[in-house]
Amino acid sequence: MALLELRVDSQWVDYNGHMNDAEYARVFSLGVEALMDAVGLDEAGRRQHGYTIYTLETHLCYRREAHEGQPLSVEVTVLARDAKRLHAFFEMYDSEGTLLATSEQMLMGIDVDAGRPAAFPSPVDSAIDGLPQATEGSWPELAGRRIGLPARR
């Protein structure tokens, strides 16, 4: 199920003729906002609960180029979670189902008034349970990667 559907804006295209790397991050950021909407933390929900979600860390992996006007969709899988954190894996696809990019993120629930991490409000917690969940040993192939050069022999 797509959290977000949009098209590559002409302003997102760079001198190479495809979507600029920073714009992939923008699309995934919009994906986090769509995730928040999906779990009841839209504008009204944030006000009601005095609660929001911050991004603590992200690992973006570019797989294919996206071009002006191209339709995009973003999906999410929950890799792990606790009372106030969400380890999420976002995938960006084109209209043919080709994987264009991934973004693995650690998200933290925040009590807005205190400005501190806090447990997800009960209705949000329940909504997170309804998201696609990776089971132990069945993470997406590109999740959990680390960056680095191979060791020389």
N, C-alpha and C. Protein backbone atom coordinates (compact mmCIF):
# COMPACT_ATOMS: atom_id res chain seq x y z
N MET A 1 0.84 -1.18 0.00
CA MET A 1 0.00 0.00 0.00
C MET A 1 0.88 1.25 0.00
N ALA A 2 0.61 2.15 -0.90
CA ALA A 2 1.40 3.37 -0.99
C ALA A 2 0.96 4.36 0.08
N LEU A 3 1.92 4.89 0.82
CA LEU A 3 1.67 5.97 1.77
C LEU A 3 1.52 7.29 1.04
N LEU A 4 2.25 7.42 -0.05
CA LEU A 4 2.37 8.69 -0.74
C LEU A 4 2.50 8.43 -2.23
N GLU A 5 1.79 9.23 -3.02
CA GLU A 5 1.94 9.20 -4.47
C GLU A 5 2.10 10.64 -4.96
N LEU A 6 3.08 10.86 -5.82
CA LEU A 6 3.35 12.18 -6.36
C LEU A 6 4.14 12.04 -7.65
N ARG A 7 4.44 13.16 -8.29
CA ARG A 7 5.23 13.17 -9.52
C ARG A 7 6.49 14.00 -9.31
N VAL A 8 7.54 13.67 -10.06
CA VAL A 8 8.79 14.42 -9.98
C VAL A 8 8.54 15.83 -10.53
N ASP A 9 8.69 16.81 -9.68
CA ASP A 9 8.49 18.22 -10.04
C ASP A 9 9.66 18.68 -10.92
N SER A 10 9.38 19.57 -11.86
CA SER A 10 10.44 20.06 -12.76
C SER A 10 11.57 20.75 -11.99
N GLN A 11 11.26 21.36 -10.86
CA GLN A 11 12.29 22.05 -10.07
C GLN A 11 13.20 21.06 -9.34
N TRP A 12 12.83 19.80 -9.32
CA TRP A 12 13.65 18.79 -8.64
C TRP A 12 14.71 18.18 -9.57
N VAL A 13 14.64 18.51 -10.85
CA VAL A 13 15.54 17.93 -11.85
C VAL A 13 16.80 18.78 -11.95
N ASP A 14 17.96 18.12 -11.94
CA ASP A 14 19.22 18.85 -11.96
C ASP A 14 19.86 18.84 -13.35
N TYR A 15 21.09 19.32 -13.42
CA TYR A 15 21.86 19.43 -14.66
C TYR A 15 22.16 18.08 -15.30
N ASN A 16 21.97 16.98 -14.58
CA ASN A 16 22.16 15.65 -15.15
C ASN A 16 20.90 15.13 -15.83
N GLY A 17 19.80 15.89 -15.71
CA GLY A 17 18.56 15.51 -16.37
C GLY A 17 17.69 14.54 -15.57
N HIS A 18 18.03 14.33 -14.29
CA HIS A 18 17.20 13.47 -13.45
C HIS A 18 17.05 14.12 -12.08
N MET A 19 16.24 13.52 -11.23
CA MET A 19 15.95 14.08 -9.93
C MET A 19 17.24 14.20 -9.11
N ASN A 20 17.47 15.37 -8.56
CA ASN A 20 18.64 15.65 -7.75
C ASN A 20 18.62 14.81 -6.47
N ASP A 21 19.80 14.44 -5.99
CA ASP A 21 19.88 13.58 -4.81
C ASP A 21 19.14 14.16 -3.60
N ALA A 22 19.20 15.47 -3.41
CA ALA A 22 18.50 16.08 -2.27
C ALA A 22 17.00 15.91 -2.37
N GLU A 23 16.49 15.81 -3.58
CA GLU A 23 15.04 15.68 -3.76
C GLU A 23 14.54 14.29 -3.39
N TYR A 24 15.39 13.29 -3.49
CA TYR A 24 15.02 11.97 -3.00
C TYR A 24 14.75 12.07 -1.50
N ALA A 25 15.63 12.79 -0.80
CA ALA A 25 15.44 13.00 0.64
C ALA A 25 14.14 13.75 0.90
N ARG A 26 13.81 14.72 0.05
CA ARG A 26 12.55 15.45 0.20
C ARG A 26 11.36 14.50 0.09
N VAL A 27 11.40 13.63 -0.91
CA VAL A 27 10.29 12.69 -1.11
C VAL A 27 10.15 11.78 0.11
N PHE A 28 11.26 11.29 0.65
CA PHE A 28 11.17 10.44 1.83
C PHE A 28 10.70 11.23 3.06
N SER A 29 11.07 12.50 3.15
CA SER A 29 10.57 13.34 4.23
C SER A 29 9.06 13.50 4.12
N LEU A 30 8.58 13.68 2.90
CA LEU A 30 7.13 13.72 2.69
C LEU A 30 6.49 12.38 3.03
N GLY A 31 7.24 11.30 2.81
CA GLY A 31 6.78 9.97 3.20
C GLY A 31 6.61 9.84 4.70
N VAL A 32 7.53 10.45 5.47
CA VAL A 32 7.40 10.44 6.93
C VAL A 32 6.14 11.21 7.33
N GLU A 33 5.89 12.35 6.68
CA GLU A 33 4.67 13.11 6.97
C GLU A 33 3.43 12.28 6.65
N ALA A 34 3.46 11.55 5.55
CA ALA A 34 2.34 10.68 5.19
C ALA A 34 2.17 9.56 6.21
N LEU A 35 3.28 9.03 6.71
CA LEU A 35 3.24 8.03 7.76
C LEU A 35 2.58 8.61 9.01
N MET A 36 2.98 9.83 9.37
CA MET A 36 2.38 10.48 10.53
C MET A 36 0.87 10.63 10.35
N ASP A 37 0.45 11.05 9.17
CA ASP A 37 -0.98 11.16 8.89
C ASP A 37 -1.66 9.80 9.06
N ALA A 38 -1.02 8.75 8.57
CA ALA A 38 -1.60 7.41 8.59
C ALA A 38 -1.78 6.87 10.01
N VAL A 39 -0.95 7.32 10.95
CA VAL A 39 -1.06 6.82 12.32
C VAL A 39 -1.77 7.80 13.25
N GLY A 40 -2.38 8.82 12.68
CA GLY A 40 -3.17 9.75 13.48
C GLY A 40 -2.41 10.96 13.99
N LEU A 41 -1.26 11.24 13.40
CA LEU A 41 -0.50 12.42 13.78
C LEU A 41 -0.49 13.46 12.68
N ASP A 42 -1.67 13.62 12.05
CA ASP A 42 -1.85 14.73 11.12
C ASP A 42 -1.90 16.00 11.96
N GLU A 43 -2.18 17.14 11.37
CA GLU A 43 -2.17 18.41 12.12
C GLU A 43 -3.10 18.35 13.33
N ALA A 44 -4.31 17.84 13.14
CA ALA A 44 -5.27 17.76 14.26
C ALA A 44 -4.78 16.78 15.33
N GLY A 45 -4.22 15.66 14.92
CA GLY A 45 -3.73 14.67 15.87
C GLY A 45 -2.54 15.18 16.66
N ARG A 46 -1.65 15.93 16.01
CA ARG A 46 -0.51 16.50 16.72
C ARG A 46 -0.98 17.48 17.78
N ARG A 47 -1.98 18.29 17.42
CA ARG A 47 -2.55 19.23 18.38
C ARG A 47 -3.23 18.50 19.53
N GLN A 48 -4.06 17.52 19.20
CA GLN A 48 -4.82 16.78 20.21
C GLN A 48 -3.90 16.09 21.21
N HIS A 49 -2.87 15.43 20.71
CA HIS A 49 -1.98 14.65 21.58
C HIS A 49 -0.78 15.45 22.11
N GLY A 50 -0.54 16.64 21.53
CA GLY A 50 0.66 17.39 21.91
C GLY A 50 1.90 16.57 21.62
N TYR A 51 1.92 15.96 20.43
CA TYR A 51 2.90 14.93 20.12
C TYR A 51 3.29 15.01 18.65
N THR A 52 4.54 14.69 18.37
CA THR A 52 5.01 14.66 16.99
C THR A 52 6.09 13.59 16.86
N ILE A 53 6.63 13.47 15.67
CA ILE A 53 7.71 12.52 15.41
C ILE A 53 8.89 13.26 14.79
N TYR A 54 10.08 12.99 15.31
CA TYR A 54 11.32 13.54 14.75
C TYR A 54 12.10 12.41 14.08
N THR A 55 12.88 12.78 13.07
CA THR A 55 13.80 11.84 12.44
C THR A 55 15.15 11.96 13.13
N LEU A 56 15.65 10.83 13.64
CA LEU A 56 16.94 10.82 14.32
C LEU A 56 18.09 10.46 13.39
N GLU A 57 17.82 9.55 12.45
CA GLU A 57 18.87 9.06 11.56
C GLU A 57 18.22 8.55 10.29
N THR A 58 18.94 8.70 9.20
CA THR A 58 18.43 8.18 7.93
C THR A 58 19.58 7.66 7.08
N HIS A 59 19.31 6.61 6.33
CA HIS A 59 20.28 6.03 5.40
C HIS A 59 19.57 5.90 4.06
N LEU A 60 19.93 6.76 3.12
CA LEU A 60 19.29 6.81 1.82
C LEU A 60 20.14 6.06 0.80
N CYS A 61 19.50 5.20 0.03
CA CYS A 61 20.18 4.40 -0.97
C CYS A 61 19.53 4.66 -2.34
N TYR A 62 20.32 5.13 -3.29
CA TYR A 62 19.81 5.44 -4.63
C TYR A 62 19.96 4.21 -5.51
N ARG A 63 18.89 3.79 -6.17
CA ARG A 63 18.93 2.59 -7.00
C ARG A 63 18.80 2.92 -8.49
N ARG A 64 17.87 3.81 -8.85
CA ARG A 64 17.60 4.17 -10.24
C ARG A 64 17.28 5.66 -10.32
N GLU A 65 17.43 6.22 -11.51
CA GLU A 65 17.12 7.63 -11.73
C GLU A 65 15.61 7.83 -11.84
N ALA A 66 15.18 9.00 -11.37
CA ALA A 66 13.79 9.44 -11.57
C ALA A 66 13.84 10.70 -12.43
N HIS A 67 12.86 10.85 -13.31
CA HIS A 67 12.86 11.94 -14.28
C HIS A 67 11.62 12.82 -14.16
N GLU A 68 11.73 14.02 -14.70
CA GLU A 68 10.65 15.00 -14.62
C GLU A 68 9.30 14.40 -15.01
N GLY A 69 8.31 14.65 -14.16
CA GLY A 69 6.95 14.21 -14.42
C GLY A 69 6.68 12.75 -14.08
N GLN A 70 7.72 12.00 -13.75
CA GLN A 70 7.56 10.57 -13.47
C GLN A 70 6.75 10.37 -12.19
N PRO A 71 5.75 9.48 -12.24
CA PRO A 71 5.00 9.16 -11.03
C PRO A 71 5.86 8.37 -10.04
N LEU A 72 5.72 8.71 -8.76
CA LEU A 72 6.44 8.02 -7.69
C LEU A 72 5.45 7.58 -6.63
N SER A 73 5.77 6.47 -5.98
CA SER A 73 5.00 6.07 -4.80
C SER A 73 5.99 5.66 -3.72
N VAL A 74 5.60 5.89 -2.48
CA VAL A 74 6.44 5.56 -1.33
C VAL A 74 5.65 4.61 -0.43
N GLU A 75 6.32 3.51 -0.06
CA GLU A 75 5.74 2.51 0.85
C GLU A 75 6.62 2.42 2.09
N VAL A 76 6.06 1.89 3.18
CA VAL A 76 6.82 1.76 4.41
C VAL A 76 6.64 0.36 4.99
N THR A 77 7.70 -0.13 5.63
CA THR A 77 7.67 -1.35 6.42
C THR A 77 8.31 -1.03 7.76
N VAL A 78 7.67 -1.42 8.85
CA VAL A 78 8.24 -1.24 10.17
C VAL A 78 9.20 -2.40 10.42
N LEU A 79 10.47 -2.07 10.66
CA LEU A 79 11.47 -3.09 10.92
C LEU A 79 11.50 -3.48 12.40
N ALA A 80 11.34 -2.48 13.24
CA ALA A 80 11.34 -2.70 14.69
C ALA A 80 10.74 -1.46 15.34
N ARG A 81 10.33 -1.63 16.60
CA ARG A 81 9.76 -0.50 17.33
C ARG A 81 9.81 -0.77 18.82
N ASP A 82 9.74 0.30 19.57
CA ASP A 82 9.53 0.18 21.01
C ASP A 82 8.49 1.23 21.38
N ALA A 83 8.39 1.59 22.64
CA ALA A 83 7.33 2.48 23.10
C ALA A 83 7.38 3.86 22.48
N LYS A 84 8.58 4.32 22.08
CA LYS A 84 8.69 5.68 21.55
C LYS A 84 9.54 5.81 20.28
N ARG A 85 10.08 4.72 19.79
CA ARG A 85 10.90 4.76 18.58
C ARG A 85 10.33 3.83 17.52
N LEU A 86 10.61 4.21 16.28
CA LEU A 86 10.14 3.44 15.14
C LEU A 86 11.30 3.33 14.15
N HIS A 87 11.72 2.10 13.86
CA HIS A 87 12.76 1.82 12.87
C HIS A 87 12.00 1.46 11.60
N ALA A 88 12.00 2.38 10.64
CA ALA A 88 11.16 2.24 9.45
C ALA A 88 12.00 2.15 8.19
N PHE A 89 11.49 1.41 7.23
CA PHE A 89 12.15 1.23 5.94
C PHE A 89 11.19 1.70 4.85
N PHE A 90 11.56 2.78 4.16
CA PHE A 90 10.75 3.36 3.09
C PHE A 90 11.31 2.94 1.74
N GLU A 91 10.42 2.65 0.80
CA GLU A 91 10.82 2.30 -0.56
C GLU A 91 10.09 3.21 -1.53
N MET A 92 10.83 3.74 -2.51
CA MET A 92 10.27 4.60 -3.55
C MET A 92 10.25 3.82 -4.87
N TYR A 93 9.07 3.78 -5.48
CA TYR A 93 8.87 3.04 -6.73
C TYR A 93 8.37 3.96 -7.83
N ASP A 94 8.62 3.55 -9.08
CA ASP A 94 7.99 4.23 -10.22
C ASP A 94 6.67 3.52 -10.53
N SER A 95 5.98 3.98 -11.56
CA SER A 95 4.65 3.43 -11.87
C SER A 95 4.71 1.99 -12.38
N GLU A 96 5.88 1.51 -12.80
CA GLU A 96 6.03 0.11 -13.24
C GLU A 96 6.46 -0.80 -12.10
N GLY A 97 6.61 -0.24 -10.90
CA GLY A 97 7.02 -1.04 -9.76
C GLY A 97 8.52 -1.22 -9.63
N THR A 98 9.29 -0.43 -10.36
CA THR A 98 10.75 -0.48 -10.24
C THR A 98 11.19 0.29 -9.00
N LEU A 99 12.03 -0.33 -8.20
CA LEU A 99 12.55 0.32 -7.01
C LEU A 99 13.55 1.40 -7.41
N LEU A 100 13.29 2.65 -6.99
CA LEU A 100 14.16 3.77 -7.33
C LEU A 100 15.11 4.14 -6.20
N ALA A 101 14.64 4.00 -4.96
CA ALA A 101 15.47 4.38 -3.81
C ALA A 101 14.85 3.81 -2.55
N THR A 102 15.68 3.72 -1.51
CA THR A 102 15.21 3.31 -0.19
C THR A 102 15.72 4.31 0.84
N SER A 103 15.00 4.39 1.95
CA SER A 103 15.44 5.23 3.06
C SER A 103 15.10 4.50 4.35
N GLU A 104 16.14 4.10 5.07
CA GLU A 104 15.97 3.46 6.36
C GLU A 104 16.09 4.55 7.42
N GLN A 105 15.10 4.63 8.32
CA GLN A 105 15.07 5.74 9.25
C GLN A 105 14.76 5.29 10.67
N MET A 106 15.36 6.00 11.61
CA MET A 106 15.00 5.86 13.02
C MET A 106 14.22 7.11 13.39
N LEU A 107 12.99 6.89 13.79
CA LEU A 107 12.08 7.97 14.14
C LEU A 107 11.82 7.93 15.65
N MET A 108 11.63 9.11 16.24
CA MET A 108 11.42 9.20 17.69
C MET A 108 10.16 10.01 17.96
N GLY A 109 9.30 9.47 18.84
CA GLY A 109 8.12 10.19 19.28
C GLY A 109 8.49 11.23 20.31
N ILE A 110 7.91 12.43 20.17
CA ILE A 110 8.27 13.57 21.01
C ILE A 110 7.03 14.21 21.62
N ASP A 111 7.06 14.41 22.95
CA ASP A 111 6.06 15.22 23.64
C ASP A 111 6.40 16.67 23.32
N VAL A 112 5.51 17.35 22.61
CA VAL A 112 5.79 18.70 22.13
C VAL A 112 5.99 19.68 23.29
N ASP A 113 5.16 19.62 24.31
CA ASP A 113 5.26 20.56 25.42
C ASP A 113 6.56 20.38 26.20
N ALA A 114 6.94 19.15 26.44
CA ALA A 114 8.17 18.88 27.19
C ALA A 114 9.41 18.98 26.31
N GLY A 115 9.22 18.83 24.99
CA GLY A 115 10.37 18.83 24.09
C GLY A 115 11.27 17.62 24.30
N ARG A 116 10.68 16.54 24.77
CA ARG A 116 11.43 15.34 25.11
C ARG A 116 10.80 14.10 24.49
N PRO A 117 11.58 13.03 24.31
CA PRO A 117 11.00 11.77 23.84
C PRO A 117 9.92 11.29 24.81
N ALA A 118 8.90 10.67 24.24
CA ALA A 118 7.80 10.13 25.05
C ALA A 118 7.16 8.98 24.31
N ALA A 119 6.50 8.11 25.05
CA ALA A 119 5.81 6.96 24.46
C ALA A 119 4.72 7.44 23.50
N PHE A 120 4.48 6.63 22.46
CA PHE A 120 3.42 6.95 21.51
C PHE A 120 2.09 6.99 22.24
N PRO A 121 1.23 7.97 21.95
CA PRO A 121 -0.12 7.94 22.50
C PRO A 121 -0.81 6.64 22.09
N SER A 122 -1.67 6.14 22.92
CA SER A 122 -2.31 4.83 22.71
C SER A 122 -2.91 4.66 21.32
N PRO A 123 -3.70 5.63 20.81
CA PRO A 123 -4.27 5.43 19.46
C PRO A 123 -3.20 5.38 18.37
N VAL A 124 -2.13 6.14 18.54
CA VAL A 124 -1.02 6.14 17.58
C VAL A 124 -0.29 4.80 17.65
N ASP A 125 -0.06 4.33 18.86
CA ASP A 125 0.59 3.04 19.07
C ASP A 125 -0.19 1.92 18.36
N SER A 126 -1.49 1.93 18.52
CA SER A 126 -2.34 0.93 17.86
C SER A 126 -2.28 1.05 16.34
N ALA A 127 -2.27 2.28 15.85
CA ALA A 127 -2.20 2.49 14.39
C ALA A 127 -0.87 2.00 13.82
N ILE A 128 0.21 2.17 14.57
CA ILE A 128 1.52 1.68 14.13
C ILE A 128 1.48 0.17 13.99
N ASP A 129 0.77 -0.50 14.91
CA ASP A 129 0.63 -1.96 14.82
C ASP A 129 -0.04 -2.39 13.53
N GLY A 130 -0.84 -1.51 12.94
CA GLY A 130 -1.54 -1.82 11.69
C GLY A 130 -0.72 -1.61 10.44
N LEU A 131 0.47 -1.05 10.57
CA LEU A 131 1.36 -0.84 9.42
C LEU A 131 2.00 -2.16 9.01
N PRO A 132 2.48 -2.26 7.76
CA PRO A 132 3.22 -3.46 7.38
C PRO A 132 4.44 -3.64 8.29
N GLN A 133 4.62 -4.84 8.80
CA GLN A 133 5.68 -5.15 9.75
C GLN A 133 6.60 -6.23 9.18
N ALA A 134 7.90 -6.01 9.29
CA ALA A 134 8.86 -7.06 8.92
C ALA A 134 8.96 -8.01 10.10
N THR A 135 8.96 -9.28 9.82
CA THR A 135 9.13 -10.25 10.89
C THR A 135 10.61 -10.58 11.03
N GLU A 136 10.97 -11.13 12.15
CA GLU A 136 12.37 -11.47 12.39
C GLU A 136 12.88 -12.38 11.28
N GLY A 137 13.99 -11.98 10.69
CA GLY A 137 14.58 -12.76 9.61
C GLY A 137 14.01 -12.47 8.23
N SER A 138 13.04 -11.55 8.16
CA SER A 138 12.46 -11.25 6.84
C SER A 138 12.51 -9.77 6.51
N TRP A 139 13.56 -9.11 6.95
CA TRP A 139 13.73 -7.70 6.60
C TRP A 139 13.92 -7.58 5.09
N PRO A 140 13.53 -6.44 4.52
CA PRO A 140 13.84 -6.21 3.10
C PRO A 140 15.34 -6.35 2.86
N GLU A 141 15.70 -6.84 1.71
CA GLU A 141 17.11 -7.12 1.40
C GLU A 141 18.02 -5.92 1.61
N LEU A 142 17.54 -4.72 1.31
CA LEU A 142 18.39 -3.53 1.41
C LEU A 142 18.38 -2.89 2.79
N ALA A 143 17.64 -3.43 3.74
CA ALA A 143 17.60 -2.87 5.10
C ALA A 143 18.81 -3.33 5.89
N GLY A 144 19.25 -2.48 6.80
CA GLY A 144 20.34 -2.85 7.70
C GLY A 144 21.72 -2.74 7.08
N ARG A 145 21.79 -2.10 5.92
CA ARG A 145 23.10 -1.95 5.28
C ARG A 145 23.95 -0.92 6.02
N ARG A 146 25.25 -1.05 5.88
CA ARG A 146 26.13 -0.03 6.41
C ARG A 146 27.02 0.45 5.28
N ILE A 147 27.53 1.63 5.44
CA ILE A 147 28.36 2.22 4.41
C ILE A 147 29.83 1.97 4.76
N GLY A 148 30.65 1.74 3.76
CA GLY A 148 32.07 1.53 3.99
C GLY A 148 32.72 0.91 2.79
N LEU A 149 34.02 1.01 2.73
CA LEU A 149 34.79 0.39 1.67
C LEU A 149 35.15 -1.02 2.10
N PRO A 150 35.23 -1.93 1.14
CA PRO A 150 35.63 -3.30 1.52
C PRO A 150 37.07 -3.30 2.02
N ALA A 151 37.36 -4.17 2.96
CA ALA A 151 38.73 -4.28 3.49
C ALA A 151 39.67 -4.77 2.41
N ARG A 152 40.88 -4.23 2.40
CA ARG A 152 41.89 -4.69 1.44
C ARG A 152 42.52 -5.97 1.96
N ARG A 153 42.89 -6.81 1.05
CA ARG A 153 43.54 -8.07 1.43
C ARG A 153 45.01 -8.02 1.14
